[in-house]
Structure formats: structure tokens, C-alpha cells
Amino acid sequence: MAMDLEEFQLVLLRRPAVAAELDDATADRLQAEHLAFYAGLRRTGEVVTNGPMRDQPDEALRGMAIFTAGSLDQARQIAQQDPLVRAGRLEIEAMIWWCPAGTMARPGRPFTLGG
């Protein structure tokens, strides 16, 4: 049976076993740079969507991103440029992810984080 699929690159963001220690000001700056980095990737279309995890059984798993970088190697190279990855606060796991064609268009439950 044939099945039409679309290929993406799934990048998991994990806290390393030994994460770099940062002062509060540096951590805040890098977090802002991390958010801007992924906002830019969404604008260029290299990332479909991304975001943090909540209520996950493995607390080391911090977030994920779905890339459209063209190849797994390209997705890894791009994800390695994340300021929090470069600073040693996060590490990546990258893999190919397939889904049925056209299914990445449904919205999730809307909510607002922060105030």
C-alpha cells in the first residue's frame, strides 16, 4: 500500500548532563537570543514550528523544533548555531520525521504564556 508522506527534520533540545553554569544576566541574554534565533528560522521557513516542553517525563528534554532544512545534516548544522547550544546549556538530538502529507496545518489549543 502506497502512502504519501512529507519529510521533516525533528530536533530535540536537551539539557546536557553537565550544563554550563551562567549568571542570571547571561542566562537571560542567551534565552532572548535563543528565542530570536528560532523566530528568524520560522520567518525564513527553515523551521515549521518549535517550542518548549511541559509535563514531560524526562526533565532533560527542554524543547523541540520541526525543521524543513532539506537534510538532516543541514538541520544539525543550523541547530548547532542556537546561542544556548553554543553556550553549552542545551544539546541537540536530530532525526528524520515523516508524517502524512498535508497534516502539519491543524492548530493546537491556543493559550498565552506570561502576561
Protein backbone atom coordinates (compact mmCIF):
# COMPACT_ATOMS: atom_id res chain seq x y z
CA MET A 1 0.00 0.00 0.00
CA ALA A 2 1.42 3.37 -1.03
CA MET A 3 1.29 6.28 1.41
CA ASP A 4 2.07 9.90 0.63
CA LEU A 5 4.38 11.31 3.29
CA GLU A 6 6.29 14.51 3.95
CA GLU A 7 9.78 14.52 5.44
CA PHE A 8 10.90 16.91 8.14
CA GLN A 9 13.87 17.01 10.46
CA LEU A 10 12.94 16.78 14.13
CA VAL A 11 15.39 18.39 16.55
CA LEU A 12 15.06 17.73 20.26
CA LEU A 13 16.66 20.20 22.64
CA ARG A 14 18.03 18.61 25.80
CA ARG A 15 19.73 19.86 28.91
CA PRO A 16 23.21 18.25 28.95
CA ALA A 17 24.17 16.08 31.93
CA VAL A 18 26.65 18.82 32.84
CA ALA A 19 25.21 22.12 31.62
CA ALA A 20 27.31 25.27 31.56
CA GLU A 21 26.84 27.48 34.61
CA LEU A 22 25.78 31.05 33.78
CA ASP A 23 25.00 34.13 35.82
CA ASP A 24 21.41 35.39 35.63
CA ALA A 25 22.17 38.26 33.24
CA THR A 26 23.98 35.97 30.78
CA ALA A 27 21.25 33.31 31.02
CA ASP A 28 18.56 35.94 30.33
CA ARG A 29 20.50 37.35 27.36
CA LEU A 30 21.08 33.89 25.87
CA GLN A 31 17.41 32.96 26.32
CA ALA A 32 16.39 36.11 24.42
CA GLU A 33 18.92 35.27 21.68
CA HIS A 34 17.60 31.68 21.55
CA LEU A 35 14.03 32.93 21.07
CA ALA A 36 15.13 35.39 18.37
CA PHE A 37 17.16 32.66 16.65
CA TYR A 38 14.11 30.40 16.30
CA ALA A 39 11.83 33.31 15.35
CA GLY A 40 14.24 34.01 12.49
CA LEU A 41 14.20 30.37 11.39
CA ARG A 42 10.39 30.40 11.34
CA ARG A 43 10.43 33.60 9.25
CA THR A 44 12.83 32.07 6.69
CA GLY A 45 10.83 28.84 6.58
CA GLU A 46 13.69 26.66 7.83
CA VAL A 47 11.58 25.76 10.87
CA VAL A 48 7.87 24.95 10.69
CA THR A 49 7.36 25.34 14.42
CA ASN A 50 9.22 24.95 17.70
CA GLY A 51 8.67 25.32 21.40
CA PRO A 52 9.36 24.16 24.94
CA MET A 53 8.12 21.02 26.65
CA ARG A 54 5.89 20.86 29.69
CA ASP A 55 4.94 17.93 31.94
CA GLN A 56 7.47 15.69 30.17
CA PRO A 57 8.62 12.54 32.00
CA ASP A 58 12.27 13.30 31.14
CA GLU A 59 13.14 16.73 32.60
CA ALA A 60 16.28 16.89 30.43
CA LEU A 61 14.03 17.25 27.38
CA ARG A 62 13.53 21.01 27.11
CA GLY A 63 12.03 21.59 23.66
CA MET A 64 11.71 20.57 20.04
CA ALA A 65 11.75 22.06 16.58
CA ILE A 66 10.46 20.76 13.26
CA PHE A 67 12.87 21.79 10.51
CA THR A 68 12.48 21.95 6.74
CA ALA A 69 16.21 22.35 6.17
CA GLY A 70 16.44 19.90 3.28
CA SER A 71 18.61 17.32 5.03
CA LEU A 72 19.42 16.01 8.47
CA ASP A 73 22.97 17.35 8.24
CA GLN A 74 21.70 20.82 7.35
CA ALA A 75 19.24 20.77 10.25
CA ARG A 76 22.02 19.74 12.65
CA GLN A 77 24.31 22.49 11.36
CA ILE A 78 21.61 25.11 11.80
CA ALA A 79 20.51 23.86 15.23
CA GLN A 80 24.12 23.92 16.44
CA GLN A 81 24.07 27.71 15.90
CA ASP A 82 21.42 28.20 18.61
CA PRO A 83 23.00 30.52 21.22
CA LEU A 84 22.00 28.19 24.08
CA VAL A 85 23.57 25.21 22.29
CA ARG A 86 26.75 27.16 21.60
CA ALA A 87 26.89 28.18 25.28
CA GLY A 88 26.59 24.56 26.46
CA ARG A 89 23.17 25.00 28.10
CA LEU A 90 21.38 22.81 25.55
CA GLU A 91 22.37 19.99 23.23
CA ILE A 92 20.54 18.64 20.23
CA GLU A 93 19.32 15.28 19.00
CA ALA A 94 18.30 15.32 15.34
CA MET A 95 16.35 12.75 13.37
CA ILE A 96 14.18 12.40 10.29
CA TRP A 97 10.46 12.55 10.92
CA TRP A 98 7.77 11.58 8.43
CA CYS A 99 4.12 12.46 8.62
CA PRO A 100 1.14 12.03 6.29
CA ALA A 101 1.23 14.72 3.58
CA GLY A 102 -0.65 17.90 4.45
CA THR A 103 -1.21 17.15 8.13
CA MET A 104 1.03 19.91 9.55
CA ALA A 105 -1.72 22.52 9.14
CA ARG A 106 -4.10 21.97 12.09
CA PRO A 107 -3.88 24.41 15.00
CA GLY A 108 -3.41 23.34 18.60
CA ARG A 109 -5.17 24.61 21.71
CA PRO A 110 -4.44 28.35 21.95
CA PHE A 111 -3.13 29.95 25.15
CA THR A 112 -0.89 32.84 26.17
CA LEU A 113 2.28 32.38 28.20
CA GLY A 114 3.20 35.23 30.51
CA GLY A 115 1.36 38.46 30.88
